């Protein structure tokens, strides 16, 4: 199994981070088998695109919520890592509290 669970939505409240806010979060390594996806589909062209980070962040975005790590953005990066037989991903991780 690549991921802890495959989800299809964001169960956590809005975190309010924009691109600039995410950029302020330092990246760290996260194990793929600890991640819960928030998307259950992927555009194959995104996975295969060598320049997929040209207009985006180099790191995946992960939200820590109620003991789980949700992969909010970067599913293509996580799958690419798995295809390269890596079990970790560099991601920006933000903890969200209940409001």
C-alpha atoms as a PDB file:
ATOM      1  CA  UNK A   1       0.000   0.000   0.000  1.00  0.00           C
ATOM      2  CA  UNK A   2       1.406   3.386  -0.959  1.00  0.00           C
ATOM      3  CA  UNK A   3      -0.802   5.581   1.242  1.00  0.00           C
ATOM      4  CA  UNK A   4      -2.404   5.124   4.637  1.00  0.00           C
ATOM      5  CA  UNK A   5      -5.801   5.723   3.027  1.00  0.00           C
ATOM      6  CA  UNK A   6      -7.253   7.149  -0.176  1.00  0.00           C
ATOM      7  CA  UNK A   7      -9.770   9.879   0.534  1.00  0.00           C
ATOM      8  CA  UNK A   8     -11.897  12.120  -1.650  1.00  0.00           C
ATOM      9  CA  UNK A   9     -12.227  15.439   0.106  1.00  0.00           C
ATOM     10  CA  UNK A  10     -10.895  17.609   2.868  1.00  0.00           C
ATOM     11  CA  UNK A  11     -12.347  16.665   6.269  1.00  0.00           C
ATOM     12  CA  UNK A  12     -10.474  19.440   8.071  1.00  0.00           C
ATOM     13  CA  UNK A  13     -11.534  23.098   8.358  1.00  0.00           C
ATOM     14  CA  UNK A  14     -10.087  25.743   6.065  1.00  0.00           C
ATOM     15  CA  UNK A  15      -6.561  26.709   7.059  1.00  0.00           C
ATOM     16  CA  UNK A  16      -6.494  30.061   5.283  1.00  0.00           C
ATOM     17  CA  UNK A  17      -3.033  29.624   3.748  1.00  0.00           C
ATOM     18  CA  UNK A  18      -2.315  30.995   0.305  1.00  0.00           C
ATOM     19  CA  UNK A  19       0.835  30.395  -1.767  1.00  0.00           C
ATOM     20  CA  UNK A  20       2.811  32.865   0.300  1.00  0.00           C
ATOM     21  CA  UNK A  21       1.621  31.295   3.557  1.00  0.00           C
ATOM     22  CA  UNK A  22       2.602  27.809   2.415  1.00  0.00           C
ATOM     23  CA  UNK A  23       6.015  29.102   1.292  1.00  0.00           C
ATOM     24  CA  UNK A  24       6.696  30.210   4.886  1.00  0.00           C
ATOM     25  CA  UNK A  25       6.273  26.631   6.177  1.00  0.00           C
ATOM     26  CA  UNK A  26       9.619  24.788   6.152  1.00  0.00           C
ATOM     27  CA  UNK A  27       9.571  21.447   4.307  1.00  0.00           C
ATOM     28  CA  UNK A  28      10.242  18.167   6.068  1.00  0.00           C
ATOM     29  CA  UNK A  29      10.176  14.513   5.167  1.00  0.00           C
ATOM     30  CA  UNK A  30       6.899  12.622   5.457  1.00  0.00           C
ATOM     31  CA  UNK A  31       6.451   8.891   4.940  1.00  0.00           C
ATOM     32  CA  UNK A  32       4.063   8.059   2.110  1.00  0.00           C
ATOM     33  CA  UNK A  33       2.354   5.364   4.189  1.00  0.00           C
ATOM     34  CA  UNK A  34       1.347   8.017   6.749  1.00  0.00           C
ATOM     35  CA  UNK A  35      -0.533  10.130   4.197  1.00  0.00           C
ATOM     36  CA  UNK A  36      -4.265  10.219   3.525  1.00  0.00           C
ATOM     37  CA  UNK A  37      -5.058  11.611   0.083  1.00  0.00           C
ATOM     38  CA  UNK A  38      -7.735  14.256  -0.411  1.00  0.00           C
ATOM     39  CA  UNK A  39      -8.140  13.314  -4.083  1.00  0.00           C
ATOM     40  CA  UNK A  40      -8.993   9.903  -5.441  1.00  0.00           C
ATOM     41  CA  UNK A  41      -8.056  10.644  -9.059  1.00  0.00           C
ATOM     42  CA  UNK A  42      -5.014  12.044 -10.815  1.00  0.00           C
ATOM     43  CA  UNK A  43      -4.532  13.517 -14.251  1.00  0.00           C
ATOM     44  CA  UNK A  44      -1.916  11.304 -15.883  1.00  0.00           C
ATOM     45  CA  UNK A  45      -0.507  14.281 -17.784  1.00  0.00           C
ATOM     46  CA  UNK A  46       0.294  15.903 -14.417  1.00  0.00           C
ATOM     47  CA  UNK A  47       2.171  12.824 -13.242  1.00  0.00           C
ATOM     48  CA  UNK A  48       4.208  12.555 -16.428  1.00  0.00           C
ATOM     49  CA  UNK A  49       4.915  16.265 -16.894  1.00  0.00           C
ATOM     50  CA  UNK A  50       8.587  16.977 -16.199  1.00  0.00           C
ATOM     51  CA  UNK A  51       7.794  20.655 -15.553  1.00  0.00           C
ATOM     52  CA  UNK A  52       4.862  19.973 -13.219  1.00  0.00           C
ATOM     53  CA  UNK A  53       6.310  22.307 -10.575  1.00  0.00           C
ATOM     54  CA  UNK A  54       7.110  25.170 -12.948  1.00  0.00           C
ATOM     55  CA  UNK A  55       4.200  27.301 -11.721  1.00  0.00           C
ATOM     56  CA  UNK A  56       3.749  25.680  -8.327  1.00  0.00           C
ATOM     57  CA  UNK A  57       5.502  24.833  -5.109  1.00  0.00           C
ATOM     58  CA  UNK A  58       8.367  22.338  -5.251  1.00  0.00           C
ATOM     59  CA  UNK A  59       6.993  20.644  -2.131  1.00  0.00           C
ATOM     60  CA  UNK A  60       3.730  18.883  -1.449  1.00  0.00           C
ATOM     61  CA  UNK A  61       1.247  20.465   0.968  1.00  0.00           C
ATOM     62  CA  UNK A  62       0.135  18.351   3.924  1.00  0.00           C
ATOM     63  CA  UNK A  63      -2.395  19.202   6.625  1.00  0.00           C
ATOM     64  CA  UNK A  64      -2.113  17.566  10.042  1.00  0.00           C
ATOM     65  CA  UNK A  65      -5.627  17.117  11.432  1.00  0.00           C
ATOM     66  CA  UNK A  66      -6.842  14.921  14.294  1.00  0.00           C
ATOM     67  CA  UNK A  67      -3.892  12.538  14.154  1.00  0.00           C
ATOM     68  CA  UNK A  68      -3.794  12.102  10.376  1.00  0.00           C
ATOM     69  CA  UNK A  69      -1.678  13.714   7.663  1.00  0.00           C
ATOM     70  CA  UNK A  70      -3.769  14.779   4.673  1.00  0.00           C
ATOM     71  CA  UNK A  71      -2.066  15.293   1.313  1.00  0.00           C
ATOM     72  CA  UNK A  72      -3.827  18.456   0.153  1.00  0.00           C
ATOM     73  CA  UNK A  73      -1.623  19.214  -2.850  1.00  0.00           C
ATOM     74  CA  UNK A  74       1.093  17.137  -4.490  1.00  0.00           C
ATOM     75  CA  UNK A  75      -0.528  13.794  -5.266  1.00  0.00           C
ATOM     76  CA  UNK A  76       1.496  13.625  -8.484  1.00  0.00           C
ATOM     77  CA  UNK A  77       4.721  14.191  -6.511  1.00  0.00           C
ATOM     78  CA  UNK A  78       3.811  11.455  -4.044  1.00  0.00           C
ATOM     79  CA  UNK A  79       3.014   8.958  -6.795  1.00  0.00           C
ATOM     80  CA  UNK A  80       6.190   9.862  -8.651  1.00  0.00           C
ATOM     81  CA  UNK A  81       8.166   9.191  -5.436  1.00  0.00           C
ATOM     82  CA  UNK A  82       6.427   5.823  -5.043  1.00  0.00           C
ATOM     83  CA  UNK A  83       7.180   4.894  -8.664  1.00  0.00           C
ATOM     84  CA  UNK A  84      10.836   5.693  -7.971  1.00  0.00           C
ATOM     85  CA  UNK A  85      10.641   3.296  -4.991  1.00  0.00           C
ATOM     86  CA  UNK A  86      11.049   6.051  -2.415  1.00  0.00           C
ATOM     87  CA  UNK A  87       8.965   5.847   0.745  1.00  0.00           C
ATOM     88  CA  UNK A  88       9.319   9.493   1.805  1.00  0.00           C
ATOM     89  CA  UNK A  89       8.236  12.796   0.334  1.00  0.00           C
ATOM     90  CA  UNK A  90       9.420  16.315   1.128  1.00  0.00           C
ATOM     91  CA  UNK A  91       6.369  18.316   2.128  1.00  0.00           C
ATOM     92  CA  UNK A  92       5.289  21.457   3.905  1.00  0.00           C
ATOM     93  CA  UNK A  93       3.186  20.352   6.874  1.00  0.00           C
ATOM     94  CA  UNK A  94       0.764  22.649   8.688  1.00  0.00           C
ATOM     95  CA  UNK A  95      -1.256  21.661  11.759  1.00  0.00           C
ATOM     96  CA  UNK A  96      -4.900  22.744  11.791  1.00  0.00           C
ATOM     97  CA  UNK A  97      -6.818  23.094  15.049  1.00  0.00           C
ATOM     98  CA  UNK A  98     -10.547  22.665  15.556  1.00  0.00           C
ATOM     99  CA  UNK A  99     -12.315  25.987  15.416  1.00  0.00           C
END
